[in-house]
Protein backbone atom coordinates (compact mmCIF):
# COMPACT_ATOMS: atom_id res chain seq x y z
CA MET A 1 -70.10 85.69 -59.19
CA LYS A 2 -68.66 87.35 -56.05
CA LYS A 3 -65.15 88.47 -55.22
CA ALA A 4 -63.10 85.98 -53.21
CA ILE A 5 -62.20 86.14 -49.54
CA ALA A 6 -59.14 83.90 -50.14
CA LEU A 7 -56.48 82.70 -47.65
CA THR A 8 -56.52 82.86 -43.86
CA VAL A 9 -53.89 81.55 -41.43
CA ILE A 10 -54.66 81.43 -37.70
CA MET A 11 -51.96 80.75 -35.13
CA GLY A 12 -51.66 80.37 -31.35
CA ALA A 13 -53.86 80.38 -28.27
CA SER A 14 -53.65 80.69 -24.48
CA LEU A 15 -54.51 77.65 -22.36
CA LEU A 16 -57.17 78.13 -19.69
CA SER A 17 -57.16 75.86 -16.66
CA ALA A 18 -60.17 73.68 -15.96
CA GLN A 19 -60.93 75.88 -12.97
CA ASN A 20 -60.56 79.01 -15.12
CA LYS A 21 -58.40 80.61 -12.41
CA GLU A 22 -55.13 80.92 -14.26
CA VAL A 23 -53.95 81.19 -17.84
CA ASP A 24 -50.65 80.62 -19.53
CA SER A 25 -48.58 83.79 -19.47
CA PRO A 26 -47.71 85.29 -22.90
CA ASP A 27 -44.04 84.32 -22.45
CA PHE A 28 -44.73 80.77 -21.23
CA ALA A 29 -42.08 78.40 -22.61
CA LEU A 30 -40.16 75.31 -21.48
CA SER A 31 -36.83 73.81 -22.45
CA GLY A 32 -34.61 70.87 -21.55
CA GLY A 33 -34.65 67.12 -21.94
CA ASN A 34 -33.34 64.71 -24.56
CA GLU A 35 -36.03 65.18 -27.21
CA LEU A 36 -38.46 67.89 -28.36
CA ILE A 37 -41.62 66.69 -30.14
CA LYS A 38 -43.73 69.28 -31.96
CA LEU A 39 -47.45 68.54 -32.22
CA ALA A 40 -50.27 70.60 -33.77
CA GLU A 41 -50.61 73.00 -30.83
CA ASP A 42 -48.35 71.50 -28.17
CA ASN A 43 -44.68 70.84 -27.54
CA VAL A 44 -43.44 67.75 -25.70
CA LEU A 45 -40.15 67.49 -23.79
CA VAL A 46 -38.87 63.98 -23.08
CA PHE A 47 -36.28 63.36 -20.34
CA ARG A 48 -34.57 59.97 -20.51
CA GLU A 49 -31.56 61.10 -18.48
CA ASN A 50 -31.08 63.39 -15.52
CA GLY A 51 -31.35 67.02 -16.53
CA THR A 52 -32.87 70.44 -15.88
CA LEU A 53 -36.31 71.68 -16.86
CA LYS A 54 -36.24 75.43 -17.49
CA VAL A 55 -39.54 77.33 -17.30
CA THR A 56 -40.11 80.88 -18.56
CA GLY A 57 -43.31 82.58 -17.47
CA SER A 58 -46.00 80.39 -15.96
CA GLY A 59 -48.71 78.06 -17.16
CA TYR A 60 -50.18 74.58 -17.23
CA VAL A 61 -48.44 71.39 -18.29
CA GLU A 62 -49.31 67.71 -18.62
CA ILE A 63 -46.83 65.33 -16.97
CA LEU A 64 -46.09 61.62 -17.26
CA ALA A 65 -43.50 60.20 -14.85
CA VAL A 66 -42.49 56.52 -14.95
CA GLY A 67 -40.20 54.89 -12.39
CA GLY A 68 -37.43 52.43 -13.12
CA GLY A 69 -38.50 48.81 -13.55
CA GLY A 70 -37.46 46.26 -10.96
CA GLY A 71 -34.84 43.66 -11.83
CA GLY A 72 -35.85 40.03 -12.22
CA GLY A 73 -34.86 37.51 -9.57
CA ALA A 74 -31.46 35.84 -9.82
CA LEU A 75 -31.29 32.65 -11.88
CA GLY A 76 -30.81 29.18 -10.45
CA THR A 77 -31.96 25.61 -10.96
CA TYR A 78 -35.61 26.54 -10.59
CA GLY A 79 -37.74 29.44 -11.85
CA SER A 80 -37.04 33.09 -10.95
CA GLY A 81 -39.68 35.81 -10.62
CA GLY A 82 -40.17 38.70 -13.03
CA GLY A 83 -39.47 42.28 -11.95
CA GLY A 84 -42.33 44.66 -11.21
CA ALA A 85 -42.85 47.70 -13.44
CA GLY A 86 -41.98 51.21 -12.39
CA GLY A 87 -44.78 53.34 -11.02
CA VAL A 88 -46.75 55.64 -13.33
CA VAL A 89 -47.90 59.14 -12.39
CA HIS A 90 -49.99 60.91 -15.04
CA GLN A 91 -51.28 64.41 -14.27
CA LYS A 92 -52.99 66.42 -17.01
CA GLU A 93 -52.99 69.87 -15.39
CA VAL A 94 -50.01 70.96 -13.30
CA PHE A 95 -49.40 74.68 -12.85
CA VAL A 96 -45.71 75.60 -13.04
CA GLU A 97 -43.97 78.91 -12.47
CA ALA A 98 -40.74 80.35 -13.82
CA GLY A 99 -37.58 78.65 -12.62
CA GLU A 100 -35.19 75.77 -13.11
CA TYR A 101 -36.19 72.34 -11.87
CA ALA A 102 -33.97 69.29 -11.45
CA VAL A 103 -35.25 66.17 -13.20
CA ALA A 104 -34.00 62.81 -11.87
CA ILE A 105 -34.63 59.67 -13.93
CA GLY A 106 -34.93 56.35 -12.12
CA ASP A 107 -32.54 53.65 -13.30
CA GLY A 108 -33.73 50.14 -13.99
CA GLY A 109 -32.96 47.82 -11.12
CA GLU A 110 -30.14 45.30 -11.47
CA VAL A 111 -30.99 41.61 -10.98
CA GLY A 112 -32.64 41.27 -7.57
CA VAL A 113 -32.78 45.08 -7.04
CA ASN A 114 -35.75 47.45 -7.10
CA GLY A 115 -35.94 50.15 -9.78
CA GLY A 116 -34.92 53.75 -9.18
CA ILE A 117 -37.17 56.75 -8.51
CA PRO A 118 -37.60 59.61 -11.03
CA SER A 119 -38.65 62.93 -9.57
CA ALA A 120 -39.34 66.46 -10.79
CA LEU A 121 -41.69 69.30 -9.86
CA GLY A 122 -42.47 67.51 -6.60
CA ILE A 123 -43.71 64.39 -8.40
CA ASN A 124 -42.19 60.99 -7.56
CA ALA A 125 -42.71 57.83 -9.59
CA TYR A 126 -41.34 54.97 -7.51
CA GLY A 127 -39.36 51.99 -8.78
CA GLY A 128 -40.75 48.52 -9.36
CA GLY A 129 -40.09 45.66 -6.97
CA ALA A 130 -37.51 43.02 -7.86
CA GLY A 131 -38.52 39.45 -8.61
CA ARG A 132 -37.77 36.63 -6.18
CA MET A 133 -34.51 34.74 -6.81
CA ALA A 134 -34.61 31.12 -7.96
CA ASP A 135 -34.02 28.24 -5.53
CA SER A 136 -35.72 30.13 -2.72
CA SER A 137 -39.29 30.46 -1.55
CA GLY A 138 -41.02 33.77 -0.97
CA LYS A 139 -42.79 36.67 -2.56
CA GLY A 140 -41.16 39.21 -4.83
CA ASN A 141 -40.14 42.62 -3.51
CA ASP A 142 -42.74 45.28 -2.84
CA GLY A 143 -42.55 48.37 -5.05
CA ALA A 144 -44.62 50.58 -7.34
CA SER A 145 -45.60 47.24 -8.87
CA GLY A 146 -44.63 44.05 -7.08
CA GLY A 147 -42.05 41.50 -8.25
CA GLY A 148 -43.00 37.92 -9.06
CA ALA A 149 -42.73 35.14 -6.47
CA ALA A 150 -40.57 32.00 -6.63
CA MET A 151 -40.50 28.62 -4.84
CA TRP A 152 -37.69 26.16 -4.09
CA ASN A 153 -38.09 22.45 -4.80
CA GLY A 154 -39.17 21.54 -1.30
CA GLY A 155 -41.62 24.40 -0.97
CA THR A 156 -45.29 23.69 -0.33
CA SER A 157 -46.85 27.07 0.48
CA ASN A 158 -48.62 29.39 -1.93
CA ASP A 159 -46.00 32.09 -2.42
CA VAL A 160 -47.51 35.44 -3.46
CA GLY A 161 -46.08 38.27 -5.48
CA GLY A 162 -44.80 41.55 -4.10
CA ALA A 163 -47.28 44.31 -3.26
CA ALA A 164 -47.87 47.67 -4.97
CA ILE A 165 -47.28 50.06 -2.08
CA TYR A 166 -47.17 53.58 -3.53
CA ALA A 167 -50.78 54.19 -4.60
CA GLU A 168 -51.10 56.90 -1.90
CA TYR A 169 -48.42 58.86 -3.79
CA GLY A 170 -50.40 58.69 -7.03
CA ASN A 171 -48.45 55.76 -8.49
CA MET A 172 -50.35 53.33 -10.70
CA GLY A 173 -49.19 49.74 -10.12
CA ASN A 174 -50.24 46.18 -9.37
CA VAL A 175 -49.14 43.14 -7.38
CA GLY A 176 -46.71 40.59 -8.76
CA GLY A 177 -47.77 37.08 -9.67
CA GLY A 178 -47.57 34.21 -7.20
CA THR A 179 -46.59 30.58 -7.72
CA LEU A 180 -47.50 27.06 -6.57
CA ASN A 181 -44.70 25.35 -8.48
CA PRO A 182 -40.91 25.63 -8.04
CA PHE A 183 -40.35 25.85 -11.80
CA GLY A 184 -43.17 28.29 -12.57
CA ALA A 185 -42.16 31.61 -11.01
CA GLY A 186 -44.68 34.50 -11.07
CA GLY A 187 -44.62 37.44 -13.49
CA GLY A 188 -43.99 40.99 -12.33
CA GLY A 189 -46.92 43.37 -11.88
CA GLY A 190 -47.62 46.00 -14.53
CA ALA A 191 -49.02 49.53 -14.20
CA SER A 192 -52.53 48.43 -15.23
CA GLU A 193 -52.52 44.65 -14.71
CA VAL A 194 -51.33 42.18 -12.06
CA GLY A 195 -48.49 39.80 -12.83
CA GLU A 196 -49.61 36.30 -13.81
CA THR A 197 -49.80 33.72 -11.04
CA THR A 198 -48.94 30.16 -12.07
CA GLY A 199 -49.76 26.78 -10.59
CA THR A 200 -47.76 24.83 -13.16
CA SER A 201 -44.15 24.58 -14.27
CA THR A 202 -44.74 27.35 -16.85
CA PRO A 203 -43.60 30.79 -15.56
CA GLY A 204 -46.12 33.65 -15.40
CA CYS A 205 -46.36 36.52 -17.89
CA GLY A 206 -45.73 40.12 -16.89
CA GLY A 207 -48.68 42.42 -16.25
CA LYS A 208 -49.74 44.95 -18.92
CA GLY A 209 -48.60 48.56 -18.64
CA TYR A 210 -50.38 51.90 -18.95
CA GLU A 211 -51.31 53.31 -22.37
CA CYS A 212 -50.80 57.06 -22.84
CA ASP A 213 -50.70 59.44 -25.84
CA ILE A 214 -48.82 62.33 -24.19
CA THR A 215 -46.20 62.25 -26.98
CA GLY A 216 -48.83 62.38 -29.72
CA GLU A 217 -48.97 58.61 -30.24
CA LYS A 218 -50.35 55.88 -28.03
CA ILE A 219 -47.55 54.08 -26.18
CA TYR A 220 -47.60 51.55 -23.35
CA TYR A 221 -45.38 52.28 -20.35
CA ALA A 222 -44.44 50.19 -17.29
CA GLY A 223 -45.10 46.58 -18.23
CA GLY A 224 -44.15 43.81 -15.81
CA GLY A 225 -41.30 41.36 -16.48
CA ALA A 226 -41.94 37.69 -17.23
CA GLY A 227 -40.96 34.87 -14.90
CA PHE A 228 -38.01 32.81 -16.18
CA ARG A 229 -37.33 29.13 -16.79
CA GLN A 230 -35.05 27.37 -19.27
CA LYS A 231 -36.67 25.95 -22.44
CA TYR A 232 -39.68 28.28 -22.13
CA GLU A 233 -41.03 31.29 -24.06
CA VAL A 234 -42.89 33.73 -21.80
CA LYS A 235 -44.06 37.26 -22.63
CA GLY A 236 -43.35 40.40 -20.66
CA GLY A 237 -46.18 42.87 -20.21
CA LEU A 238 -46.99 45.51 -22.86
CA GLY A 239 -44.94 48.56 -21.97
CA GLY A 240 -41.39 47.29 -22.03
CA GLY A 241 -41.64 44.27 -19.75
CA GLY A 242 -38.73 41.85 -20.32
CA SER A 243 -39.60 38.48 -21.91
CA CYS A 244 -38.22 34.98 -21.50
CA VAL A 245 -37.07 34.17 -25.05
CA LYS A 246 -36.60 30.55 -26.08
CA ALA A 247 -33.32 29.87 -27.85
CA ALA A 248 -33.00 28.18 -31.23
CA ASP A 249 -31.54 25.03 -29.68
CA GLY A 250 -34.78 24.49 -27.78
CA GLN A 251 -32.84 23.62 -24.64
CA SER A 252 -32.25 27.09 -23.23
CA SER A 253 -33.87 30.53 -22.95
CA THR A 254 -32.55 34.07 -22.69
CA PRO A 255 -33.90 36.50 -20.06
CA GLY A 256 -34.79 39.85 -21.60
CA PRO A 257 -34.27 43.16 -19.77
CA GLY A 258 -36.97 45.74 -19.28
CA VAL A 259 -36.97 48.44 -21.97
CA ASP A 260 -35.16 51.65 -21.04
CA GLY A 261 -37.35 54.75 -21.20
CA LEU A 262 -40.51 52.70 -20.59
CA GLY A 263 -39.89 51.53 -17.02
CA GLY A 264 -40.50 47.85 -17.78
CA GLY A 265 -39.65 45.17 -15.25
CA GLY A 266 -36.88 42.75 -16.14
CA CYS A 267 -37.50 39.11 -16.89
CA GLY A 268 -36.22 36.75 -14.20
CA GLY A 269 -32.42 36.96 -14.44
CA ALA A 270 -32.38 40.38 -16.23
CA LYS A 271 -32.30 44.05 -15.18
CA GLY A 272 -35.24 46.41 -15.32
CA GLY A 273 -35.69 49.29 -17.77
CA SER A 274 -35.01 52.92 -16.84
CA GLY A 275 -37.86 55.36 -16.33
CA VAL A 276 -38.85 58.55 -18.15
CA PHE A 277 -40.21 62.02 -17.41
CA ILE A 278 -42.38 63.70 -20.09
CA VAL A 279 -43.81 67.22 -20.10
CA ARG A 280 -46.39 68.44 -22.63
CA TYR A 281 -47.40 72.08 -22.88
CA ARG A 282 -49.14 74.52 -25.20
CA ALA A 283 -46.66 76.02 -27.63
CA ALA A 284 -46.73 79.79 -27.98
CA PHE A 285 -47.72 80.99 -31.47
CA ALA A 286 -44.74 83.34 -31.42
CA GLU A 287 -42.43 80.37 -31.05
CA ILE A 288 -43.92 78.47 -33.97
CA PHE A 289 -45.33 80.95 -36.46
CA GLU A 290 -44.17 84.48 -35.71
CA GLY A 291 -41.98 84.57 -38.80
CA ALA A 292 -44.75 83.46 -41.18
CA THR A 293 -45.43 85.84 -44.08
CA GLY A 294 -47.96 86.21 -46.84
CA GLY A 295 -51.35 87.80 -47.36
CA VAL A 296 -52.89 90.31 -44.96
CA GLU A 297 -52.08 89.64 -41.31
CA THR A 298 -54.58 90.21 -38.50
CA ARG A 299 -54.87 88.98 -34.90
CA ARG A 300 -58.04 87.96 -33.12
CA ASN A 301 -58.69 86.02 -29.92
CA GLY A 302 -55.00 85.35 -29.47
CA LYS A 303 -54.68 83.96 -33.00
CA ARG A 304 -52.58 85.11 -35.91
CA ILE A 305 -54.50 85.24 -39.21
CA HIS A 306 -53.13 85.55 -42.76
CA THR A 307 -55.72 86.28 -45.44
CA PHE A 308 -54.97 86.01 -49.16
CA THR A 309 -57.32 87.75 -51.60
CA ALA A 310 -55.30 86.73 -54.66
CA ASP A 311 -52.58 84.31 -55.70
CA GLY A 312 -49.49 84.66 -53.56
CA THR A 313 -46.77 82.98 -51.51
CA PHE A 314 -47.00 81.73 -47.95
CA ALA A 315 -43.66 81.43 -46.14
CA MET A 316 -43.42 79.00 -43.23
CA PRO A 317 -40.53 79.83 -40.86
CA VAL A 318 -40.32 76.43 -39.14
CA ASP A 319 -41.64 72.93 -39.52
CA GLY A 320 -45.12 72.71 -38.06
CA VAL A 321 -48.63 71.32 -38.21
CA VAL A 322 -51.46 73.55 -39.41
CA GLU A 323 -55.16 73.33 -40.01
CA MET A 324 -56.05 74.00 -43.64
CA LEU A 325 -59.21 75.16 -45.37
CA LEU A 326 -59.42 75.40 -49.16
CA VAL A 327 -62.51 76.51 -51.07
CA GLY A 328 -62.73 76.55 -54.84
CA GLY A 329 -64.21 79.39 -56.88
CA GLY A 330 -67.99 79.44 -57.14
CA GLY A 331 -69.66 78.54 -60.43
CA GLY A 332 -71.32 81.27 -62.48
CA GLY A 333 -75.10 81.34 -62.77
CA GLY A 334 -76.81 80.40 -66.01
CA ALA A 335 -77.63 83.15 -68.52
CA ASN A 336 -81.09 84.74 -68.43
CA ARG A 337 -83.22 84.48 -71.54
CA SER A 338 -82.96 87.72 -73.48
CA ASP A 339 -86.50 87.90 -74.87
CA ASN A 340 -89.44 89.44 -73.13
CA LEU A 341 -90.40 86.20 -71.40
CA LEU A 342 -87.62 86.89 -68.87
CA GLN A 343 -87.09 83.24 -68.04
CA GLY A 344 -83.99 83.07 -65.79
CA GLY A 345 -80.91 80.86 -65.63
CA ALA A 346 -80.11 78.53 -62.74
CA GLY A 347 -77.82 79.26 -59.78
CA GLY A 348 -74.12 78.33 -59.83
CA GLY A 349 -72.73 75.72 -57.47
CA ALA A 350 -70.36 76.63 -54.63
CA GLY A 351 -66.68 75.77 -54.81
CA GLY A 352 -65.62 72.53 -53.16
CA VAL A 353 -64.34 72.68 -49.59
CA VAL A 354 -61.26 70.82 -48.31
CA HIS A 355 -60.84 71.00 -44.53
CA ILE A 356 -57.94 69.18 -42.87
CA LYS A 357 -57.10 69.79 -39.21
CA GLY A 358 -53.55 68.45 -39.24
CA VAL A 359 -51.33 69.18 -42.22
CA SER A 360 -47.58 68.86 -41.66
CA VAL A 361 -45.78 71.73 -43.34
CA ARG A 362 -42.01 71.98 -43.67
CA ALA A 363 -40.25 75.31 -43.39
CA GLY A 364 -40.19 77.02 -46.79
CA ALA A 365 -42.17 79.06 -49.29
CA TYR A 366 -45.41 77.75 -50.84
CA ALA A 367 -47.34 79.04 -53.85
CA ILE A 368 -51.01 79.67 -53.14
CA LYS A 369 -53.45 79.64 -56.07
CA ILE A 370 -56.83 81.19 -55.39
CA GLY A 371 -59.58 80.08 -57.79
CA SER A 372 -61.66 82.85 -59.35
CA GLY A 373 -65.42 82.65 -59.48
CA GLY A 374 -66.81 81.49 -62.83
CA SER A 375 -68.28 83.90 -65.33
CA ILE A 376 -71.92 83.48 -66.38
CA GLY A 377 -72.30 79.91 -67.57
CA ALA A 378 -68.76 78.87 -66.58
CA ASN A 379 -67.41 76.72 -63.73
CA GLY A 380 -65.35 78.32 -60.97
CA GLU A 381 -61.59 77.83 -60.91
CA ASN A 382 -59.72 75.52 -58.53
CA THR A 383 -57.94 76.65 -55.36
CA GLU A 384 -54.64 74.85 -54.70
CA ALA A 385 -52.05 74.67 -51.90
CA PHE A 386 -49.64 72.07 -50.48
CA GLY A 387 -50.69 69.55 -53.12
CA TYR A 388 -54.39 69.76 -52.21
CA VAL A 389 -57.11 70.96 -54.60
CA ALA A 390 -60.53 72.47 -53.87
CA TYR A 391 -62.40 72.28 -57.17
CA GLY A 392 -64.49 75.05 -58.64
CA GLY A 393 -68.28 74.93 -58.47
CA GLY A 394 -70.40 73.93 -61.44
CA ALA A 395 -72.13 76.52 -63.60
CA GLY A 396 -75.90 76.90 -63.58
CA ALA A 397 -77.84 75.95 -66.74
CA LYS A 398 -79.37 78.68 -68.91
CA TYR A 399 -82.96 78.47 -70.01
CA ASP A 400 -82.42 77.65 -73.67
CA GLY A 401 -79.08 75.91 -73.59
CA ARG A 402 -76.46 74.04 -71.66
CA GLY A 403 -74.68 75.41 -68.61
CA SER A 404 -71.36 74.27 -70.09
CA ALA A 405 -69.91 71.55 -72.27
CA GLU A 406 -70.20 69.15 -69.31
CA VAL A 407 -73.96 69.55 -68.99
CA THR A 408 -76.08 66.54 -69.88
CA GLU A 409 -79.16 67.19 -72.00
CA GLY A 410 -82.47 66.15 -70.49
CA LYS A 411 -85.63 65.41 -72.40
CA TYR A 412 -87.17 68.75 -71.54
CA GLY A 413 -84.32 70.68 -70.00
CA TYR A 414 -80.76 70.91 -68.87
CA VAL A 415 -78.88 70.19 -65.66
CA GLY A 416 -76.19 72.53 -64.43
CA SER A 417 -72.52 71.63 -64.61
CA SER A 418 -70.95 69.32 -62.06
CA GLY A 419 -68.06 70.47 -59.87
CA GLY A 420 -67.21 71.07 -56.22
CA SER A 421 -70.96 71.59 -55.85
CA GLY A 422 -73.37 71.18 -58.76
CA GLY A 423 -75.04 74.00 -60.65
CA GLY A 424 -78.83 74.31 -60.73
CA SER A 425 -81.06 73.07 -63.56
CA THR A 426 -83.62 74.69 -65.86
CA HIS A 427 -86.11 73.82 -68.62
CA VAL A 428 -86.49 74.24 -72.31
CA ALA A 429 -90.10 74.48 -73.46
CA GLY A 430 -91.35 70.99 -74.28
CA GLU A 431 -94.36 68.76 -74.17
CA ASN A 432 -96.99 69.57 -71.53
CA TRP A 433 -95.05 72.70 -70.55
CA ILE A 434 -95.15 71.86 -66.84
CA ASP A 435 -94.73 69.08 -64.27
CA PHE A 436 -91.52 67.52 -65.47
CA GLU A 437 -88.30 67.41 -63.44
CA VAL A 438 -84.68 68.09 -64.35
CA ALA A 439 -81.97 67.30 -61.79
CA GLY A 440 -79.14 69.74 -61.02
CA GLY A 441 -75.41 69.17 -61.53
CA LEU A 442 -73.50 66.90 -59.14
CA ALA A 443 -70.77 67.33 -56.53
CA ILE A 444 -68.17 65.03 -58.09
CA HIS A 445 -64.98 65.47 -56.04
CA GLY A 446 -65.97 63.91 -52.71
CA GLU A 447 -63.39 61.14 -53.04
CA GLU A 448 -60.71 63.84 -53.24
CA GLY A 449 -61.83 65.36 -49.95
CA ASN A 450 -64.11 68.08 -51.34
CA LEU A 451 -67.28 68.90 -49.39
CA GLY A 452 -70.16 69.85 -51.68
CA ASN A 453 -73.74 69.13 -52.73
CA ALA A 454 -75.81 68.76 -55.87
CA GLY A 455 -77.80 71.50 -57.52
CA GLY A 456 -81.57 71.60 -57.08
CA ILE A 457 -84.33 70.09 -59.23
CA THR A 458 -86.40 72.13 -61.66
CA THR A 459 -90.13 71.28 -61.85
CA HIS A 460 -91.44 74.16 -63.99
CA GLN A 461 -90.21 75.67 -67.20
CA TYR A 462 -90.31 79.21 -65.83
CA ALA A 463 -88.49 78.42 -62.57
CA ALA A 464 -84.80 77.41 -62.46
CA SER A 465 -83.33 75.72 -59.37
CA GLY A 466 -80.56 76.89 -57.05
CA GLY A 467 -76.93 75.76 -57.09
CA GLY A 468 -75.59 73.38 -54.45
CA GLY A 469 -73.76 74.72 -51.40
CA ALA A 470 -71.08 73.26 -49.14
CA GLY A 471 -73.66 72.74 -46.39
CA GLY A 472 -76.68 71.59 -48.41
CA ALA A 473 -78.17 70.89 -51.82
CA GLY A 474 -79.53 73.63 -54.03
CA GLY A 475 -83.18 74.49 -53.55
CA ASN A 476 -85.78 73.02 -55.89
CA SER A 477 -88.15 75.26 -57.78
CA ASN A 478 -91.63 75.52 -56.29
CA GLY A 479 -94.11 75.85 -59.06
CA SER A 480 -93.07 78.96 -60.94
CA ILE A 481 -90.91 80.18 -58.03
CA PRO A 482 -87.14 79.59 -58.55
CA GLY A 483 -85.13 77.58 -56.05
CA ALA A 484 -82.77 79.15 -53.47
CA GLY A 485 -79.03 78.53 -53.36
CA GLY A 486 -77.77 75.72 -51.16
CA VAL A 487 -77.04 76.61 -47.55
CA GLY A 488 -73.51 77.58 -46.56
CA TYR A 489 -71.26 76.06 -43.88
CA GLN A 490 -70.90 77.99 -40.61
CA CYS A 491 -67.38 78.82 -39.47
CA ASP A 492 -65.54 81.04 -36.95
CA ILE A 493 -62.08 80.67 -38.46
CA SER A 494 -61.70 84.43 -38.91
CA GLY A 495 -62.42 85.02 -35.23
CA THR A 496 -66.15 85.70 -35.64
CA MET A 497 -68.98 83.41 -36.70
CA VAL A 498 -69.75 83.79 -40.41
CA ILE A 499 -72.53 82.33 -42.57
CA THR A 500 -72.46 83.21 -46.24
CA GLN A 501 -74.93 82.75 -49.06
CA GLU A 502 -72.41 83.71 -51.70
CA ALA A 503 -70.08 81.60 -53.77
CA GLU A 504 -66.76 82.40 -52.17
CA ARG A 505 -63.30 80.98 -52.49
CA VAL A 506 -60.95 80.76 -49.57
CA PHE A 507 -57.73 79.10 -48.40
CA VAL A 508 -57.12 78.81 -44.67
CA LEU A 509 -54.24 77.64 -42.52
CA SER A 510 -54.63 77.33 -38.78
CA ASN A 511 -53.11 75.59 -35.79
CA LYS A 512 -56.43 75.65 -33.93
CA SER A 513 -59.50 73.56 -34.66
CA MET A 514 -61.96 75.55 -36.77
CA GLU A 515 -64.90 74.89 -39.06
CA VAL A 516 -65.19 75.82 -42.70
CA TRP A 517 -67.77 77.44 -44.95
CA ALA A 518 -68.85 78.06 -48.50
CA ALA A 519 -72.20 78.37 -50.23
CA ALA A 520 -73.76 78.77 -53.65
CA ASP A 521 -74.86 81.92 -55.43
CA HIS A 522 -78.57 82.46 -55.52
CA ALA A 523 -80.21 81.96 -58.90
């Protein structure tokens, strides 16, 4: 049984550009907007209203800008076209320097009016085109996405939707839907799909918007508005496009507006939704974790590391998301036979490994329990933190007896104890003396998130098998040669690559993706 390594917490990193020419400055930070979203390593600022983006230092940001959706065409006796969605500009690497930057958010267009233009950091997302008014023939307005067309009762031409005219400025958008029927107006274009063209009296649906996970969840932006007609139910495009909603009386419908903050086009007869400006950037570790306490603190490769070698308390200064590694205490090896035959006990199994890359942790103090390695013939203890448990490894079997009370008796020998990883097996002298097999203990906590493997198989009475490791099963005996301990799991969480062949126990918190490790004692 070896002494534990225990708890490690790693925090923070600089962001290199794809061209590797610039890096975030140590003081890089942003502020402003209507909402701050904290992710595992990034912060997100969301502007839904005009404001000021303040930048300290310099570094790289990801930006999503969405223009205001166009208003639907005015209502009349016949169908009115849906409004086109606001333009979408999505840039994943924009270098910004210290300063204050005005952020303008594009309003949704009123009925018959194009959407407004959001702008910041030299980026413009243009507004969507308005839908064509009812009782008139013609295409919808041009815009970032085009508005839907309409036709009057005496019309005979194929009226087309408005065009998407801002692609040269990086705006994603599509044309509005056309129409061949005075009642079936076209749907507004969406950021990733054209508005529906209709040749019947049923209005066209709005085009689908653009899906993006800049806020940490996948959301559609900039859907086109539906064409409108009484007594009909017509969908707006995914991403806030306004829908034509049929009323309960079955004789009328309500035109839905585009959704504010998503840049959706309005249904015919309704206004468009306002745009949005979103900035995502790498959060500085000082901002998130500088006040964290507990264990022994070190810093490597721009990361902050807290290592616990015994039970203790970890204090989290703010709410955050961390990566966590727990490893239970390794199982003790089986006892050697005390007579002059010198037949040895089996190897102990490694502690179970729990590795979770995103654990939400509220500000506060947390008790950390570090599992000790098991004594000879005893399982290792559990490691516990934040409601998670990494179970101790199983003990190895001794030559003339059980590894522990959990060990199952075989016909000619004994398996090791089960646990995070299983202990190795051994024989008791029996019939034929050789060529019979005894399986090792099992890894029994996989359903609870523990990584581990079974102990090895014993094939000879003089040769015990190795305990299981986090990265592989324990080695089988080879004739009279004992089996090796199961391979460990390679990890650079401490800042350097480590491979261990010892039963260790460890608890790790990190806000950077890392691997984990643990392995069994040799027999």
